[in-house]
Amino acid sequence: EQEAYEADGGARVVILDAGRATLELANPAQTR
């Protein structure tokens, strides 16, 4: 857990540390 917040009305969020992040873009042939 990196951060966590609560707000009125029951709103909650927790930010989890996933290490290094990348965005992998793949065309349909690659995903198949």
PDB file of all heavy atoms in Angstrom:
ATOM      1  N   GLU A   1       0.847  -1.185   0.000  1.00  0.00           N
ATOM      2  CA  GLU A   1       0.000   0.000   0.000  1.00  0.00           C
ATOM      3  C   GLU A   1       0.886   1.240   0.000  1.00  0.00           C
ATOM      4  O   GLU A   1       1.744   1.399   0.858  1.00  0.00           O
ATOM      5  CB  GLU A   1      -0.887  -0.024   1.240  1.00  0.00           C
ATOM      6  CG  GLU A   1      -2.025   0.933   1.197  1.00  0.00           C
ATOM      7  CD  GLU A   1      -3.017   0.713   2.326  1.00  0.00           C
ATOM      8  OE1 GLU A   1      -3.565  -0.415   2.431  1.00  0.00           O
ATOM      9  OE2 GLU A   1      -3.224   1.666   3.091  1.00  0.00           O
ATOM     10  N   GLN A   2       0.683   2.103  -0.969  1.00  0.00           N
ATOM     11  CA  GLN A   2       1.470   3.323  -1.114  1.00  0.00           C
ATOM     12  C   GLN A   2       0.748   4.515  -0.495  1.00  0.00           C
ATOM     13  O   GLN A   2       1.349   5.326   0.188  1.00  0.00           O
ATOM     14  CB  GLN A   2       1.742   3.565  -2.598  1.00  0.00           C
ATOM     15  CG  GLN A   2       2.596   4.764  -2.914  1.00  0.00           C
ATOM     16  CD  GLN A   2       2.851   4.855  -4.413  1.00  0.00           C
ATOM     17  OE1 GLN A   2       3.296   3.895  -5.033  1.00  0.00           O
ATOM     18  NE2 GLN A   2       2.555   5.986  -4.987  1.00  0.00           N
ATOM     19  N   GLU A   3      -0.556   4.611  -0.765  1.00  0.00           N
ATOM     20  CA  GLU A   3      -1.388   5.688  -0.235  1.00  0.00           C
ATOM     21  C   GLU A   3      -2.801   5.156  -0.077  1.00  0.00           C
ATOM     22  O   GLU A   3      -3.194   4.217  -0.765  1.00  0.00           O
ATOM     23  CB  GLU A   3      -1.434   6.886  -1.202  1.00  0.00           C
ATOM     24  CG  GLU A   3      -0.098   7.526  -1.500  1.00  0.00           C
ATOM     25  CD  GLU A   3      -0.216   8.607  -2.572  1.00  0.00           C
ATOM     26  OE1 GLU A   3      -1.078   9.499  -2.419  1.00  0.00           O
ATOM     27  OE2 GLU A   3       0.543   8.537  -3.550  1.00  0.00           O
ATOM     28  N   ALA A   4      -3.570   5.782   0.839  1.00  0.00           N
ATOM     29  CA  ALA A   4      -4.971   5.415   1.012  1.00  0.00           C
ATOM     30  C   ALA A   4      -5.734   6.644   1.478  1.00  0.00           C
ATOM     31  O   ALA A   4      -5.211   7.440   2.269  1.00  0.00           O
ATOM     32  CB  ALA A   4      -5.107   4.287   2.029  1.00  0.00           C
ATOM     33  N   TYR A   5      -6.955   6.790   0.968  1.00  0.00           N
ATOM     34  CA  TYR A   5      -7.775   7.952   1.307  1.00  0.00           C
ATOM     35  C   TYR A   5      -9.222   7.527   1.476  1.00  0.00           C
ATOM     36  O   TYR A   5      -9.697   6.642   0.779  1.00  0.00           O
ATOM     37  CB  TYR A   5      -7.694   9.023   0.207  1.00  0.00           C
ATOM     38  CG  TYR A   5      -6.286   9.460  -0.093  1.00  0.00           C
ATOM     39  CD1 TYR A   5      -5.604   8.945  -1.186  1.00  0.00           C
ATOM     40  CD2 TYR A   5      -5.639  10.387   0.726  1.00  0.00           C
ATOM     41  CE1 TYR A   5      -4.297   9.334  -1.465  1.00  0.00           C
ATOM     42  CE2 TYR A   5      -4.334  10.782   0.458  1.00  0.00           C
ATOM     43  CZ  TYR A   5      -3.667  10.259  -0.631  1.00  0.00           C
ATOM     44  OH  TYR A   5      -2.378  10.639  -0.896  1.00  0.00           O
ATOM     45  N   GLU A   6      -9.912   8.193   2.392  1.00  0.00           N
ATOM     46  CA  GLU A   6     -11.352   8.023   2.562  1.00  0.00           C
ATOM     47  C   GLU A   6     -11.980   9.399   2.548  1.00  0.00           C
ATOM     48  O   GLU A   6     -11.385  10.361   3.027  1.00  0.00           O
ATOM     49  CB  GLU A   6     -11.659   7.318   3.883  1.00  0.00           C
ATOM     50  CG  GLU A   6     -11.207   5.875   3.899  1.00  0.00           C
ATOM     51  CD  GLU A   6     -11.690   5.114   5.127  1.00  0.00           C
ATOM     52  OE1 GLU A   6     -12.864   5.323   5.530  1.00  0.00           O
ATOM     53  OE2 GLU A   6     -10.902   4.330   5.652  1.00  0.00           O
ATOM     54  N   ALA A   7     -13.186   9.480   2.014  1.00  0.00           N
ATOM     55  CA  ALA A   7     -13.901  10.757   1.941  1.00  0.00           C
ATOM     56  C   ALA A   7     -15.335  10.553   2.414  1.00  0.00           C
ATOM     57  O   ALA A   7     -15.789   9.418   2.591  1.00  0.00           O
ATOM     58  CB  ALA A   7     -13.878  11.298   0.508  1.00  0.00           C
ATOM     59  N   ASP A   8     -16.037  11.637   2.571  1.00  0.00           N
ATOM     60  CA  ASP A   8     -17.441  11.567   2.977  1.00  0.00           C
ATOM     61  C   ASP A   8     -18.217  10.716   1.984  1.00  0.00           C
ATOM     62  O   ASP A   8     -17.871  10.627   0.809  1.00  0.00           O
ATOM     63  CB  ASP A   8     -18.045  12.977   3.023  1.00  0.00           C
ATOM     64  CG  ASP A   8     -17.436  13.823   4.133  1.00  0.00           C
ATOM     65  OD1 ASP A   8     -16.870  13.240   5.084  1.00  0.00           O
ATOM     66  OD2 ASP A   8     -17.518  15.062   4.045  1.00  0.00           O
ATOM     67  N   GLY A   9     -19.257  10.078   2.482  1.00  0.00           N
ATOM     68  CA  GLY A   9     -20.103   9.261   1.620  1.00  0.00           C
ATOM     69  C   GLY A   9     -19.551   7.868   1.371  1.00  0.00           C
ATOM     70  O   GLY A   9     -20.037   7.151   0.513  1.00  0.00           O
ATOM     71  N   GLY A  10     -18.513   7.483   2.091  1.00  0.00           N
ATOM     72  CA  GLY A  10     -17.948   6.142   1.947  1.00  0.00           C
ATOM     73  C   GLY A  10     -16.960   5.986   0.810  1.00  0.00           C
ATOM     74  O   GLY A  10     -16.568   4.867   0.489  1.00  0.00           O
ATOM     75  N   ALA A  11     -16.533   7.066   0.194  1.00  0.00           N
ATOM     76  CA  ALA A  11     -15.573   6.979  -0.915  1.00  0.00           C
ATOM     77  C   ALA A  11     -14.217   6.538  -0.381  1.00  0.00           C
ATOM     78  O   ALA A  11     -13.721   7.092   0.604  1.00  0.00           O
ATOM     79  CB  ALA A  11     -15.451   8.329  -1.612  1.00  0.00           C
ATOM     80  N   ARG A  12     -13.628   5.532  -1.018  1.00  0.00           N
ATOM     81  CA  ARG A  12     -12.318   5.013  -0.615  1.00  0.00           C
ATOM     82  C   ARG A  12     -11.455   4.743  -1.833  1.00  0.00           C
ATOM     83  O   ARG A  12     -11.941   4.307  -2.870  1.00  0.00           O
ATOM     84  CB  ARG A  12     -12.452   3.693   0.152  1.00  0.00           C
ATOM     85  CG  ARG A  12     -12.976   3.812   1.537  1.00  0.00           C
ATOM     86  CD  ARG A  12     -13.018   2.465   2.233  1.00  0.00           C
ATOM     87  NE  ARG A  12     -11.683   1.919   2.435  1.00  0.00           N
ATOM     88  CZ  ARG A  12     -11.456   0.646   2.757  1.00  0.00           C
ATOM     89  NH1 ARG A  12     -12.448  -0.199   2.906  1.00  0.00           N
ATOM     90  NH2 ARG A  12     -10.218   0.211   2.930  1.00  0.00           N
ATOM     91  N   VAL A  13     -10.176   4.951  -1.644  1.00  0.00           N
ATOM     92  CA  VAL A  13      -9.200   4.593  -2.667  1.00  0.00           C
ATOM     93  C   VAL A  13      -7.934   4.132  -1.956  1.00  0.00           C
ATOM     94  O   VAL A  13      -7.555   4.676  -0.926  1.00  0.00           O
ATOM     95  CB  VAL A  13      -8.902   5.762  -3.639  1.00  0.00           C
ATOM     96  CG1 VAL A  13      -8.224   6.923  -2.928  1.00  0.00           C
ATOM     97  CG2 VAL A  13      -8.048   5.293  -4.811  1.00  0.00           C
ATOM     98  N   VAL A  14      -7.316   3.109  -2.498  1.00  0.00           N
ATOM     99  CA  VAL A  14      -6.011   2.650  -2.041  1.00  0.00           C
ATOM    100  C   VAL A  14      -5.135   2.541  -3.271  1.00  0.00           C
ATOM    101  O   VAL A  14      -5.531   1.949  -4.288  1.00  0.00           O
ATOM    102  CB  VAL A  14      -6.094   1.286  -1.315  1.00  0.00           C
ATOM    103  CG1 VAL A  14      -4.702   0.774  -0.971  1.00  0.00           C
ATOM    104  CG2 VAL A  14      -6.939   1.398  -0.055  1.00  0.00           C
ATOM    105  N   ILE A  15      -3.945   3.126  -3.200  1.00  0.00           N
ATOM    106  CA  ILE A  15      -2.989   3.073  -4.305  1.00  0.00           C
ATOM    107  C   ILE A  15      -1.921   2.060  -3.922  1.00  0.00           C
ATOM    108  O   ILE A  15      -1.255   2.196  -2.891  1.00  0.00           O
ATOM    109  CB  ILE A  15      -2.391   4.462  -4.579  1.00  0.00           C
ATOM    110  CG1 ILE A  15      -3.519   5.437  -4.953  1.00  0.00           C
ATOM    111  CG2 ILE A  15      -1.325   4.388  -5.673  1.00  0.00           C
ATOM    112  CD1 ILE A  15      -3.122   6.884  -4.934  1.00  0.00           C
ATOM    113  N   LEU A  16      -1.782   1.033  -4.742  1.00  0.00           N
ATOM    114  CA  LEU A  16      -0.826  -0.045  -4.485  1.00  0.00           C
ATOM    115  C   LEU A  16       0.394   0.112  -5.376  1.00  0.00           C
ATOM    116  O   LEU A  16       0.271   0.453  -6.551  1.00  0.00           O
ATOM    117  CB  LEU A  16      -1.491  -1.403  -4.739  1.00  0.00           C
ATOM    118  CG  LEU A  16      -2.752  -1.684  -3.912  1.00  0.00           C
ATOM    119  CD1 LEU A  16      -3.368  -3.010  -4.323  1.00  0.00           C
ATOM    120  CD2 LEU A  16      -2.441  -1.675  -2.428  1.00  0.00           C
ATOM    121  N   ASP A  17       1.549  -0.155  -4.817  1.00  0.00           N
ATOM    122  CA  ASP A  17       2.807  -0.045  -5.549  1.00  0.00           C
ATOM    123  C   ASP A  17       3.011  -1.302  -6.390  1.00  0.00           C
ATOM    124  O   ASP A  17       3.110  -2.404  -5.858  1.00  0.00           O
ATOM    125  CB  ASP A  17       3.967   0.127  -4.567  1.00  0.00           C
ATOM    126  CG  ASP A  17       5.309   0.342  -5.253  1.00  0.00           C
ATOM    127  OD1 ASP A  17       5.382   0.236  -6.500  1.00  0.00           O
ATOM    128  OD2 ASP A  17       6.283   0.603  -4.539  1.00  0.00           O
ATOM    129  N   ALA A  18       3.070  -1.115  -7.694  1.00  0.00           N
ATOM    130  CA  ALA A  18       3.240  -2.240  -8.611  1.00  0.00           C
ATOM    131  C   ALA A  18       4.656  -2.296  -9.174  1.00  0.00           C
ATOM    132  O   ALA A  18       4.898  -2.987 -10.158  1.00  0.00           O
ATOM    133  CB  ALA A  18       2.238  -2.147  -9.752  1.00  0.00           C
ATOM    134  N   GLY A  19       5.593  -1.576  -8.591  1.00  0.00           N
ATOM    135  CA  GLY A  19       6.941  -1.568  -9.146  1.00  0.00           C
ATOM    136  C   GLY A  19       6.973  -0.758 -10.419  1.00  0.00           C
ATOM    137  O   GLY A  19       6.257   0.218 -10.571  1.00  0.00           O
ATOM    138  N   ARG A  20       7.784  -1.159 -11.342  1.00  0.00           N
ATOM    139  CA  ARG A  20       7.925  -0.462 -12.618  1.00  0.00           C
ATOM    140  C   ARG A  20       6.702  -0.710 -13.486  1.00  0.00           C
ATOM    141  O   ARG A  20       6.218  -1.833 -13.582  1.00  0.00           O
ATOM    142  CB  ARG A  20       9.175  -0.998 -13.321  1.00  0.00           C
ATOM    143  CG  ARG A  20       9.449  -0.344 -14.630  1.00  0.00           C
ATOM    144  CD  ARG A  20      10.795  -0.848 -15.183  1.00  0.00           C
ATOM    145  NE  ARG A  20      10.809  -0.606 -16.594  1.00  0.00           N
ATOM    146  CZ  ARG A  20      10.751  -1.557 -17.518  1.00  0.00           C
ATOM    147  NH1 ARG A  20      10.703  -2.815 -17.174  1.00  0.00           N
ATOM    148  NH2 ARG A  20      10.754  -1.252 -18.784  1.00  0.00           N
ATOM    149  N   ALA A  21       6.193   0.310 -14.119  1.00  0.00           N
ATOM    150  CA  ALA A  21       5.029   0.180 -14.998  1.00  0.00           C
ATOM    151  C   ALA A  21       5.430   0.458 -16.442  1.00  0.00           C
ATOM    152  O   ALA A  21       6.276   1.300 -16.710  1.00  0.00           O
ATOM    153  CB  ALA A  21       3.938   1.162 -14.581  1.00  0.00           C
ATOM    154  N   THR A  22       4.827  -0.283 -17.347  1.00  0.00           N
ATOM    155  CA  THR A  22       5.001  -0.035 -18.771  1.00  0.00           C
ATOM    156  C   THR A  22       3.626  -0.097 -19.428  1.00  0.00           C
ATOM    157  O   THR A  22       2.696  -0.678 -18.874  1.00  0.00           O
ATOM    158  CB  THR A  22       5.927  -1.084 -19.442  1.00  0.00           C
ATOM    159  OG1 THR A  22       5.371  -2.383 -19.269  1.00  0.00           O
ATOM    160  CG2 THR A  22       7.327  -1.036 -18.856  1.00  0.00           C
ATOM    161  N   LEU A  23       3.504   0.498 -20.568  1.00  0.00           N
ATOM    162  CA  LEU A  23       2.287   0.404 -21.368  1.00  0.00           C
ATOM    163  C   LEU A  23       2.642  -0.395 -22.610  1.00  0.00           C
ATOM    164  O   LEU A  23       3.463   0.032 -23.417  1.00  0.00           O
ATOM    165  CB  LEU A  23       1.779   1.800 -21.746  1.00  0.00           C
ATOM    166  CG  LEU A  23       0.539   1.843 -22.640  1.00  0.00           C
ATOM    167  CD1 LEU A  23      -0.654   1.190 -21.933  1.00  0.00           C
ATOM    168  CD2 LEU A  23       0.228   3.278 -23.025  1.00  0.00           C
ATOM    169  N   GLU A  24       2.054  -1.575 -22.724  1.00  0.00           N
ATOM    170  CA  GLU A  24       2.333  -2.454 -23.860  1.00  0.00           C
ATOM    171  C   GLU A  24       1.185  -2.342 -24.849  1.00  0.00           C
ATOM    172  O   GLU A  24       0.058  -2.721 -24.539  1.00  0.00           O
ATOM    173  CB  GLU A  24       2.466  -3.898 -23.360  1.00  0.00           C
ATOM    174  CG  GLU A  24       2.749  -4.897 -24.448  1.00  0.00           C
ATOM    175  CD  GLU A  24       2.974  -6.304 -23.893  1.00  0.00           C
ATOM    176  OE1 GLU A  24       3.572  -6.440 -22.815  1.00  0.00           O
ATOM    177  OE2 GLU A  24       2.542  -7.254 -24.561  1.00  0.00           O
ATOM    178  N   LEU A  25       1.460  -1.808 -26.013  1.00  0.00           N
ATOM    179  CA  LEU A  25       0.457  -1.707 -27.062  1.00  0.00           C
ATOM    180  C   LEU A  25       0.672  -2.853 -28.040  1.00  0.00           C
ATOM    181  O   LEU A  25       1.792  -3.076 -28.499  1.00  0.00           O
ATOM    182  CB  LEU A  25       0.588  -0.362 -27.789  1.00  0.00           C
ATOM    183  CG  LEU A  25       0.430   0.880 -26.921  1.00  0.00           C
ATOM    184  CD1 LEU A  25       0.705   2.137 -27.738  1.00  0.00           C
ATOM    185  CD2 LEU A  25      -0.956   0.927 -26.306  1.00  0.00           C
ATOM    186  N   ALA A  26      -0.390  -3.586 -28.331  1.00  0.00           N
ATOM    187  CA  ALA A  26      -0.278  -4.745 -29.214  1.00  0.00           C
ATOM    188  C   ALA A  26      -1.414  -4.698 -30.227  1.00  0.00           C
ATOM    189  O   ALA A  26      -2.543  -4.367 -29.875  1.00  0.00           O
ATOM    190  CB  ALA A  26      -0.350  -6.041 -28.402  1.00  0.00           C
ATOM    191  N   ASN A  27      -1.107  -5.068 -31.470  1.00  0.00           N
ATOM    192  CA  ASN A  27      -2.179  -5.129 -32.466  1.00  0.00           C
ATOM    193  C   ASN A  27      -2.953  -6.442 -32.296  1.00  0.00           C
ATOM    194  O   ASN A  27      -2.523  -7.334 -31.557  1.00  0.00           O
ATOM    195  CB  ASN A  27      -1.625  -4.917 -33.883  1.00  0.00           C
ATOM    196  CG  ASN A  27      -0.798  -6.078 -34.389  1.00  0.00           C
ATOM    197  OD1 ASN A  27      -0.707  -7.132 -33.776  1.00  0.00           O
ATOM    198  ND2 ASN A  27      -0.181  -5.869 -35.541  1.00  0.00           N
ATOM    199  N   PRO A  28      -4.106  -6.584 -32.940  1.00  0.00           N
ATOM    200  CA  PRO A  28      -4.927  -7.791 -32.757  1.00  0.00           C
ATOM    201  C   PRO A  28      -4.194  -9.092 -33.088  1.00  0.00           C
ATOM    202  O   PRO A  28      -4.400 -10.098 -32.408  1.00  0.00           O
ATOM    203  CB  PRO A  28      -6.109  -7.556 -33.702  1.00  0.00           C
ATOM    204  CG  PRO A  28      -6.255  -6.062 -33.758  1.00  0.00           C
ATOM    205  CD  PRO A  28      -4.825  -5.557 -33.735  1.00  0.00           C
ATOM    206  N   ALA A  29      -3.341  -9.083 -34.097  1.00  0.00           N
ATOM    207  CA  ALA A  29      -2.595 -10.303 -34.435  1.00  0.00           C
ATOM    208  C   ALA A  29      -1.676 -10.710 -33.285  1.00  0.00           C
ATOM    209  O   ALA A  29      -1.529 -11.899 -32.982  1.00  0.00           O
ATOM    210  CB  ALA A  29      -1.793 -10.093 -35.720  1.00  0.00           C
ATOM    211  N   GLN A  30      -1.050  -9.742 -32.641  1.00  0.00           N
ATOM    212  CA  GLN A  30      -0.164 -10.032 -31.508  1.00  0.00           C
ATOM    213  C   GLN A  30      -0.951 -10.594 -30.325  1.00  0.00           C
ATOM    214  O   GLN A  30      -0.541 -11.571 -29.714  1.00  0.00           O
ATOM    215  CB  GLN A  30       0.592  -8.763 -31.091  1.00  0.00           C
ATOM    216  CG  GLN A  30       1.423  -8.907 -29.830  1.00  0.00           C
ATOM    217  CD  GLN A  30       2.655  -9.779 -29.988  1.00  0.00           C
ATOM    218  OE1 GLN A  30       3.041 -10.139 -31.092  1.00  0.00           O
ATOM    219  NE2 GLN A  30       3.261 -10.130 -28.872  1.00  0.00           N
ATOM    220  N   THR A  31      -2.086  -9.989 -29.990  1.00  0.00           N
ATOM    221  CA  THR A  31      -2.852 -10.492 -28.849  1.00  0.00           C
ATOM    222  C   THR A  31      -3.380 -11.897 -29.113  1.00  0.00           C
ATOM    223  O   THR A  31      -3.398 -12.732 -28.208  1.00  0.00           O
ATOM    224  CB  THR A  31      -4.006  -9.545 -28.456  1.00  0.00           C
ATOM    225  OG1 THR A  31      -4.871  -9.357 -29.559  1.00  0.00           O
ATOM    226  CG2 THR A  31      -3.478  -8.204 -27.976  1.00  0.00           C
ATOM    227  N   ARG A  32      -3.768 -12.184 -30.357  1.00  0.00           N
ATOM    228  CA  ARG A  32      -4.200 -13.549 -30.703  1.00  0.00           C
ATOM    229  C   ARG A  32      -3.041 -14.525 -30.554  1.00  0.00           C
ATOM    230  O   ARG A  32      -3.202 -15.627 -30.034  1.00  0.00           O
ATOM    231  CB  ARG A  32      -4.753 -13.599 -32.132  1.00  0.00           C
ATOM    232  CG  ARG A  32      -6.178 -13.073 -32.261  1.00  0.00           C
ATOM    233  CD  ARG A  32      -6.775 -13.372 -33.635  1.00  0.00           C
ATOM    234  NE  ARG A  32      -5.988 -12.851 -34.742  1.00  0.00           N
ATOM    235  CZ  ARG A  32      -6.099 -11.604 -35.226  1.00  0.00           C
ATOM    236  NH1 ARG A  32      -6.977 -10.765 -34.708  1.00  0.00           N
ATOM    237  NH2 ARG A  32      -5.352 -11.215 -36.228  1.00  0.00           N
TER     238      ARG A  32
END
